[in-house]
């Protein structure tokens, strides 16, 4: 298993962003279980409602990233580092959100995309994480 410090370095996310994503995943797993079980069929009519905790977590993370980017830009002398961190967070959030949106469209039957096309933002994100992991200095 990975340590939290390794995940923070490789993913380029803070502990708070990881926590927000975990809370969103927990609430999503509850709504998904209710959707599959048919418990709240009158409320969980659409896949976008089921995925709404994940979209809310993305909005909170985007808000957090903007605040951190502004504070880093104003606080540190290295403006390039602040811009680099903001761009990485933006790439991460945009690719994950596009994936979730395409998956919702596919599950609701509103698009004829293949699953390989739906998962293409994840493939791009994995390539970016691999490049980032290769650029980081070895900590051992």
C-alpha atoms as a PDB file:
ATOM      1  CA  UNK A   1       0.000   0.000   0.000  1.00  0.00           C
ATOM      2  CA  UNK A   2       1.052   3.566  -0.602  1.00  0.00           C
ATOM      3  CA  UNK A   3       1.730   6.005   2.188  1.00  0.00           C
ATOM      4  CA  UNK A   4      -0.221   9.235   2.300  1.00  0.00           C
ATOM      5  CA  UNK A   5       2.919  11.238   1.614  1.00  0.00           C
ATOM      6  CA  UNK A   6       3.570   9.210  -1.546  1.00  0.00           C
ATOM      7  CA  UNK A   7       0.000   9.718  -2.772  1.00  0.00           C
ATOM      8  CA  UNK A   8       0.289  13.450  -2.153  1.00  0.00           C
ATOM      9  CA  UNK A   9       3.529  13.631  -4.136  1.00  0.00           C
ATOM     10  CA  UNK A  10       2.410  11.427  -7.034  1.00  0.00           C
ATOM     11  CA  UNK A  11      -1.120  12.736  -7.451  1.00  0.00           C
ATOM     12  CA  UNK A  12      -0.270  16.357  -6.724  1.00  0.00           C
ATOM     13  CA  UNK A  13      -3.260  16.648  -4.402  1.00  0.00           C
ATOM     14  CA  UNK A  14      -3.284  17.838  -0.816  1.00  0.00           C
ATOM     15  CA  UNK A  15      -4.559  15.769   2.080  1.00  0.00           C
ATOM     16  CA  UNK A  16      -7.667  17.951   2.223  1.00  0.00           C
ATOM     17  CA  UNK A  17      -8.449  17.320  -1.458  1.00  0.00           C
ATOM     18  CA  UNK A  18      -8.013  13.588  -0.952  1.00  0.00           C
ATOM     19  CA  UNK A  19     -10.331  13.780   2.074  1.00  0.00           C
ATOM     20  CA  UNK A  20     -12.997  15.617   0.053  1.00  0.00           C
ATOM     21  CA  UNK A  21     -12.747  12.990  -2.690  1.00  0.00           C
ATOM     22  CA  UNK A  22     -13.060  10.171  -0.143  1.00  0.00           C
ATOM     23  CA  UNK A  23     -16.165  11.780   1.387  1.00  0.00           C
ATOM     24  CA  UNK A  24     -17.656  12.171  -2.081  1.00  0.00           C
ATOM     25  CA  UNK A  25     -16.881   8.535  -2.889  1.00  0.00           C
ATOM     26  CA  UNK A  26     -18.508   7.409   0.365  1.00  0.00           C
ATOM     27  CA  UNK A  27     -21.723   9.319  -0.345  1.00  0.00           C
ATOM     28  CA  UNK A  28     -21.643   8.132  -3.971  1.00  0.00           C
ATOM     29  CA  UNK A  29     -21.355   4.515  -2.845  1.00  0.00           C
ATOM     30  CA  UNK A  30     -24.423   4.988  -0.646  1.00  0.00           C
ATOM     31  CA  UNK A  31     -26.483   6.530  -3.451  1.00  0.00           C
ATOM     32  CA  UNK A  32     -25.266   3.850  -5.866  1.00  0.00           C
ATOM     33  CA  UNK A  33     -26.302   1.106  -3.453  1.00  0.00           C
ATOM     34  CA  UNK A  34     -29.721   2.712  -3.058  1.00  0.00           C
ATOM     35  CA  UNK A  35     -30.061   3.035  -6.863  1.00  0.00           C
ATOM     36  CA  UNK A  36     -29.150  -0.600  -7.463  1.00  0.00           C
ATOM     37  CA  UNK A  37     -31.314  -1.825  -4.577  1.00  0.00           C
ATOM     38  CA  UNK A  38     -34.269   0.264  -5.720  1.00  0.00           C
ATOM     39  CA  UNK A  39     -34.844   1.649  -2.235  1.00  0.00           C
ATOM     40  CA  UNK A  40     -35.406   5.287  -3.205  1.00  0.00           C
ATOM     41  CA  UNK A  41     -36.570   4.910  -6.811  1.00  0.00           C
ATOM     42  CA  UNK A  42     -38.700   8.043  -6.654  1.00  0.00           C
ATOM     43  CA  UNK A  43     -35.640  10.179  -5.751  1.00  0.00           C
ATOM     44  CA  UNK A  44     -32.855   8.388  -7.621  1.00  0.00           C
ATOM     45  CA  UNK A  45     -34.432   8.479 -11.061  1.00  0.00           C
ATOM     46  CA  UNK A  46     -31.377   9.709 -12.964  1.00  0.00           C
ATOM     47  CA  UNK A  47     -27.718   8.722 -12.930  1.00  0.00           C
ATOM     48  CA  UNK A  48     -26.749  12.374 -12.548  1.00  0.00           C
ATOM     49  CA  UNK A  49     -28.470  12.392  -9.147  1.00  0.00           C
ATOM     50  CA  UNK A  50     -26.513   9.292  -8.150  1.00  0.00           C
ATOM     51  CA  UNK A  51     -23.244  10.921  -9.244  1.00  0.00           C
ATOM     52  CA  UNK A  52     -24.084  14.267  -7.616  1.00  0.00           C
ATOM     53  CA  UNK A  53     -21.881  13.678  -4.513  1.00  0.00           C
ATOM     54  CA  UNK A  54     -18.891  13.229  -6.818  1.00  0.00           C
ATOM     55  CA  UNK A  55     -19.724  16.375  -8.772  1.00  0.00           C
ATOM     56  CA  UNK A  56     -20.140  18.297  -5.502  1.00  0.00           C
ATOM     57  CA  UNK A  57     -16.730  17.048  -4.355  1.00  0.00           C
ATOM     58  CA  UNK A  58     -15.250  18.283  -7.652  1.00  0.00           C
ATOM     59  CA  UNK A  59     -16.804  21.721  -7.146  1.00  0.00           C
ATOM     60  CA  UNK A  60     -15.448  21.908  -3.595  1.00  0.00           C
ATOM     61  CA  UNK A  61     -12.007  20.840  -4.791  1.00  0.00           C
ATOM     62  CA  UNK A  62     -12.059  23.437  -7.561  1.00  0.00           C
ATOM     63  CA  UNK A  63     -12.998  26.134  -5.060  1.00  0.00           C
ATOM     64  CA  UNK A  64     -10.217  24.985  -2.738  1.00  0.00           C
ATOM     65  CA  UNK A  65      -7.690  24.926  -5.593  1.00  0.00           C
ATOM     66  CA  UNK A  66      -8.531  28.494  -6.629  1.00  0.00           C
ATOM     67  CA  UNK A  67      -8.089  29.719  -3.064  1.00  0.00           C
ATOM     68  CA  UNK A  68      -4.777  27.872  -2.680  1.00  0.00           C
ATOM     69  CA  UNK A  69      -3.538  29.149  -6.041  1.00  0.00           C
ATOM     70  CA  UNK A  70      -4.296  32.757  -5.151  1.00  0.00           C
ATOM     71  CA  UNK A  71      -2.664  32.436  -1.735  1.00  0.00           C
ATOM     72  CA  UNK A  72       0.407  30.686  -3.152  1.00  0.00           C
ATOM     73  CA  UNK A  73       0.744  33.274  -5.902  1.00  0.00           C
ATOM     74  CA  UNK A  74       0.612  36.134  -3.426  1.00  0.00           C
ATOM     75  CA  UNK A  75       2.715  34.486  -0.700  1.00  0.00           C
ATOM     76  CA  UNK A  76       5.715  32.949  -2.429  1.00  0.00           C
ATOM     77  CA  UNK A  77       8.365  34.456  -4.607  1.00  0.00           C
ATOM     78  CA  UNK A  78       8.306  31.538  -7.033  1.00  0.00           C
ATOM     79  CA  UNK A  79       5.207  32.396  -9.067  1.00  0.00           C
ATOM     80  CA  UNK A  80       5.987  29.600 -11.503  1.00  0.00           C
ATOM     81  CA  UNK A  81       5.571  26.959  -8.788  1.00  0.00           C
ATOM     82  CA  UNK A  82       2.146  28.360  -7.845  1.00  0.00           C
ATOM     83  CA  UNK A  83       1.048  28.388 -11.469  1.00  0.00           C
ATOM     84  CA  UNK A  84       2.362  24.851 -12.007  1.00  0.00           C
ATOM     85  CA  UNK A  85       0.426  23.513  -9.010  1.00  0.00           C
ATOM     86  CA  UNK A  86      -2.755  25.301 -10.116  1.00  0.00           C
ATOM     87  CA  UNK A  87      -2.469  23.940 -13.664  1.00  0.00           C
ATOM     88  CA  UNK A  88      -1.894  20.385 -12.403  1.00  0.00           C
ATOM     89  CA  UNK A  89      -4.960  20.600 -10.138  1.00  0.00           C
ATOM     90  CA  UNK A  90      -6.987  22.027 -13.004  1.00  0.00           C
ATOM     91  CA  UNK A  91      -5.959  19.201 -15.366  1.00  0.00           C
ATOM     92  CA  UNK A  92      -6.783  16.631 -12.713  1.00  0.00           C
ATOM     93  CA  UNK A  93     -10.211  18.085 -11.918  1.00  0.00           C
ATOM     94  CA  UNK A  94     -11.205  18.661 -15.538  1.00  0.00           C
ATOM     95  CA  UNK A  95     -10.259  15.139 -16.647  1.00  0.00           C
ATOM     96  CA  UNK A  96     -12.002  13.485 -13.698  1.00  0.00           C
ATOM     97  CA  UNK A  97     -15.138  15.597 -14.193  1.00  0.00           C
ATOM     98  CA  UNK A  98     -15.260  14.846 -17.921  1.00  0.00           C
ATOM     99  CA  UNK A  99     -14.969  11.127 -17.143  1.00  0.00           C
ATOM    100  CA  UNK A 100     -17.814  11.260 -14.620  1.00  0.00           C
ATOM    101  CA  UNK A 101     -19.997  13.237 -17.017  1.00  0.00           C
ATOM    102  CA  UNK A 102     -19.383  10.825 -19.911  1.00  0.00           C
ATOM    103  CA  UNK A 103     -20.039   7.858 -17.631  1.00  0.00           C
ATOM    104  CA  UNK A 104     -23.355   9.377 -16.529  1.00  0.00           C
ATOM    105  CA  UNK A 105     -24.333   9.903 -20.159  1.00  0.00           C
ATOM    106  CA  UNK A 106     -23.365   6.334 -21.041  1.00  0.00           C
ATOM    107  CA  UNK A 107     -25.231   4.792 -18.093  1.00  0.00           C
ATOM    108  CA  UNK A 108     -28.376   6.805 -18.777  1.00  0.00           C
ATOM    109  CA  UNK A 109     -28.309   5.839 -22.460  1.00  0.00           C
ATOM    110  CA  UNK A 110     -28.099   9.417 -23.739  1.00  0.00           C
ATOM    111  CA  UNK A 111     -25.018   8.777 -25.873  1.00  0.00           C
ATOM    112  CA  UNK A 112     -23.699   6.047 -28.094  1.00  0.00           C
ATOM    113  CA  UNK A 113     -20.107   6.299 -26.918  1.00  0.00           C
ATOM    114  CA  UNK A 114     -18.117   3.146 -26.367  1.00  0.00           C
ATOM    115  CA  UNK A 115     -16.603   2.510 -22.953  1.00  0.00           C
ATOM    116  CA  UNK A 116     -13.106   3.042 -24.355  1.00  0.00           C
ATOM    117  CA  UNK A 117     -14.162   6.573 -25.311  1.00  0.00           C
ATOM    118  CA  UNK A 118     -15.753   7.150 -21.918  1.00  0.00           C
ATOM    119  CA  UNK A 119     -12.575   6.068 -20.117  1.00  0.00           C
ATOM    120  CA  UNK A 120     -10.228   8.089 -22.337  1.00  0.00           C
ATOM    121  CA  UNK A 121      -9.905  10.971 -19.802  1.00  0.00           C
ATOM    122  CA  UNK A 122      -8.754   8.429 -17.220  1.00  0.00           C
ATOM    123  CA  UNK A 123      -6.153   7.075 -19.645  1.00  0.00           C
ATOM    124  CA  UNK A 124      -4.829  10.598 -20.221  1.00  0.00           C
ATOM    125  CA  UNK A 125      -4.756  11.219 -16.465  1.00  0.00           C
ATOM    126  CA  UNK A 126      -2.848   7.983 -15.858  1.00  0.00           C
ATOM    127  CA  UNK A 127      -0.261   9.043 -18.424  1.00  0.00           C
ATOM    128  CA  UNK A 128       0.095  12.431 -16.735  1.00  0.00           C
ATOM    129  CA  UNK A 129       0.511  10.762 -13.324  1.00  0.00           C
ATOM    130  CA  UNK A 130       3.142   8.415 -14.783  1.00  0.00           C
ATOM    131  CA  UNK A 131       5.098  11.351 -16.210  1.00  0.00           C
ATOM    132  CA  UNK A 132       4.795  13.201 -12.910  1.00  0.00           C
ATOM    133  CA  UNK A 133       6.000  10.134 -10.958  1.00  0.00           C
ATOM    134  CA  UNK A 134       9.037   9.820 -13.218  1.00  0.00           C
ATOM    135  CA  UNK A 135       9.943  13.492 -12.735  1.00  0.00           C
ATOM    136  CA  UNK A 136       9.831  13.366  -8.938  1.00  0.00           C
ATOM    137  CA  UNK A 137      13.129  12.785  -7.142  1.00  0.00           C
ATOM    138  CA  UNK A 138      13.579   9.408  -5.504  1.00  0.00           C
ATOM    139  CA  UNK A 139      12.929   9.568  -1.756  1.00  0.00           C
ATOM    140  CA  UNK A 140      14.596   6.282  -0.785  1.00  0.00           C
END
